[in-house]
């Protein structure tokens, strides 16, 4: 099992806004930073709804799939 986080950036590397209530937190603390290595899925900051609870995000997901890691070179 693994998890992944995805986001979109503009040409300057600025994270683009998300659908309200369904995205990554880019305006408060903690803020999503694409250069941060998040160790746990729960570390990824999500937008807040009504200033008191995190919503779900279309950007973070768990995957129950087999995948291969191939060493080259």
Protein backbone atom coordinates (compact mmCIF):
# COMPACT_ATOMS: atom_id res chain seq x y z
CA UNK A 1 0.00 0.00 0.00
CA UNK A 2 1.24 3.50 -0.72
CA UNK A 3 -0.11 7.03 -0.73
CA UNK A 4 0.45 9.93 -3.09
CA UNK A 5 -0.09 13.68 -3.13
CA UNK A 6 -0.67 15.59 -6.38
CA UNK A 7 -0.93 19.30 -7.14
CA UNK A 8 -0.79 21.74 -10.06
CA UNK A 9 1.64 24.64 -10.41
CA UNK A 10 1.83 27.65 -12.70
CA UNK A 11 4.92 28.44 -14.82
CA UNK A 12 6.56 30.10 -11.79
CA UNK A 13 6.15 27.06 -9.55
CA UNK A 14 3.29 28.58 -7.53
CA UNK A 15 0.71 26.01 -6.38
CA UNK A 16 -2.59 26.70 -8.17
CA UNK A 17 -5.83 27.18 -6.19
CA UNK A 18 -7.99 24.13 -5.49
CA UNK A 19 -11.74 23.59 -5.62
CA UNK A 20 -13.03 25.28 -2.46
CA UNK A 21 -13.28 22.77 0.39
CA UNK A 22 -11.58 19.91 -1.45
CA UNK A 23 -7.94 20.83 -1.70
CA UNK A 24 -4.59 21.43 -0.10
CA UNK A 25 -4.09 24.25 2.39
CA UNK A 26 -2.09 27.00 0.71
CA UNK A 27 -3.09 30.00 2.84
CA UNK A 28 -2.82 29.23 6.57
CA UNK A 29 -0.41 27.45 8.93
CA UNK A 30 0.55 24.70 8.35
CA UNK A 31 0.64 25.35 4.62
CA UNK A 32 1.15 22.82 1.84
CA UNK A 33 4.69 23.03 0.46
CA UNK A 34 5.56 20.95 -2.63
CA UNK A 35 9.22 20.92 -1.54
CA UNK A 36 8.46 19.27 1.81
CA UNK A 37 8.83 15.51 2.20
CA UNK A 38 5.73 14.40 4.13
CA UNK A 39 6.31 11.22 6.09
CA UNK A 40 2.66 10.37 6.77
CA UNK A 41 -0.54 10.95 4.79
CA UNK A 42 -1.95 12.84 7.79
CA UNK A 43 0.94 15.35 7.61
CA UNK A 44 -0.34 16.88 4.35
CA UNK A 45 -2.22 20.08 5.27
CA UNK A 46 -5.79 20.21 3.98
CA UNK A 47 -8.14 23.17 3.62
CA UNK A 48 -10.31 23.87 6.64
CA UNK A 49 -14.11 24.11 6.55
CA UNK A 50 -15.75 26.54 8.95
CA UNK A 51 -12.29 27.09 10.50
CA UNK A 52 -12.56 23.96 12.63
CA UNK A 53 -12.30 20.73 10.64
CA UNK A 54 -10.26 19.47 7.70
CA UNK A 55 -12.13 18.41 4.60
CA UNK A 56 -11.25 15.52 2.39
CA UNK A 57 -8.91 16.27 -0.49
CA UNK A 58 -8.90 15.11 -4.07
CA UNK A 59 -5.12 15.53 -3.92
CA UNK A 60 -4.22 12.85 -1.38
CA UNK A 61 -5.07 9.19 -1.71
CA UNK A 62 -4.26 5.66 -0.55
CA UNK A 63 -3.65 2.94 -3.10
CA UNK A 64 -3.85 -0.80 -2.44
CA UNK A 65 -1.90 -1.92 -5.48
CA UNK A 66 1.17 -4.01 -6.19
CA UNK A 67 3.93 -2.16 -7.96
CA UNK A 68 7.49 -2.96 -8.88
CA UNK A 69 10.62 -0.96 -8.17
CA UNK A 70 13.11 -1.55 -10.95
CA UNK A 71 16.79 -0.75 -10.46
CA UNK A 72 18.54 0.42 -13.60
CA UNK A 73 22.12 1.28 -14.33
